[in-house]
Protein backbone atom coordinates (compact mmCIF):
# COMPACT_ATOMS: atom_id res chain seq x y z
CA MET A 1 55.62 51.37 77.22
CA ILE A 2 55.90 52.22 73.57
CA ALA A 3 57.41 48.80 72.87
CA LEU A 4 54.56 47.08 74.74
CA LYS A 5 52.00 49.18 72.91
CA ASN A 6 53.61 48.27 69.58
CA GLN A 7 53.75 44.63 70.60
CA ALA A 8 50.00 44.74 71.28
CA VAL A 9 49.36 46.11 67.80
CA CYS A 10 51.58 43.47 66.19
CA LEU A 11 50.00 40.63 68.16
CA ALA A 12 46.56 41.83 67.14
CA ALA A 13 47.67 41.88 63.51
CA VAL A 14 48.64 38.21 63.67
CA ARG A 15 45.37 37.31 65.38
CA ARG A 16 46.61 36.73 68.90
CA PRO A 17 44.00 38.84 70.68
CA ALA A 18 44.47 37.60 74.25
CA GLU A 19 48.21 38.29 74.14
CA ALA A 20 47.61 41.64 72.45
CA LEU A 21 45.18 42.63 75.18
CA ALA A 22 47.63 41.60 77.91
CA ALA A 23 50.45 43.66 76.36
CA ALA A 24 48.19 46.68 75.97
CA ALA A 25 46.98 46.38 79.57
CA GLU A 26 50.55 46.20 80.83
CA ALA A 27 51.46 49.30 78.83
CA VAL A 28 48.55 51.18 80.41
CA GLU A 29 49.53 50.05 83.90
CA LEU A 30 53.15 51.13 83.46
CA SER A 31 52.10 54.44 81.91
CA ARG A 32 49.90 55.16 84.94
CA GLU A 33 52.91 54.57 87.20
CA LEU A 34 54.99 57.04 85.18
CA ILE A 35 52.22 59.63 85.37
CA ALA A 36 52.33 59.42 89.14
CA ALA A 37 55.92 60.62 88.98
CA GLN A 38 55.70 63.14 86.11
CA PRO A 39 52.16 63.75 84.88
CA GLU A 40 53.01 66.57 82.50
CA VAL A 41 55.56 64.45 80.67
CA HIS A 42 53.76 61.12 80.44
CA HIS A 43 50.14 62.08 79.85
CA PRO A 44 50.37 61.73 76.04
CA LEU A 45 51.87 58.26 76.42
CA LEU A 46 49.01 57.15 78.64
CA ALA A 47 46.49 58.49 76.15
CA SER A 48 48.13 56.52 73.36
CA CYS A 49 48.29 53.35 75.45
CA LEU A 50 44.65 53.71 76.46
CA ASP A 51 43.70 54.08 72.80
CA THR A 52 45.53 50.86 71.95
CA TYR A 53 44.02 49.06 74.93
CA GLY A 54 40.55 50.21 73.94
CA GLY A 55 41.15 48.97 70.42
CA ARG A 56 42.15 45.54 71.64
CA LEU A 57 39.05 45.36 73.84
CA SER A 58 36.91 46.39 70.90
CA ASP A 59 38.53 43.71 68.73
CA MET A 60 37.34 41.19 71.30
CA ASP A 61 33.75 42.54 71.19
CA ARG A 62 34.11 44.12 74.62
CA GLU A 63 32.71 47.48 73.53
CA ALA A 64 31.56 48.74 76.94
CA GLU A 65 35.00 48.10 78.43
CA ALA A 66 36.66 49.73 75.42
CA VAL A 67 34.60 52.88 75.87
CA ALA A 68 35.30 52.94 79.60
CA ALA A 69 39.04 52.48 79.03
CA THR A 70 39.39 55.19 76.42
CA CYS A 71 37.22 57.70 78.29
CA SER A 72 38.87 57.26 81.70
CA PRO A 73 40.81 60.22 83.12
């Protein structure tokens, strides 16, 4: 997940927003799967991935979705 999250940041930096968003979304999805198995261990990772995902949404002027993503439990 960390690699996907970093990939999203790098793709955003080179102005490839759709690919950045897809990588961030995948990182969030995989983080949620890990939380199902070990919530106490993987909660910080999910929070970080959600922050990155929200940032990518915001970059694409999808503010409402960004807020929803970063404020979700």
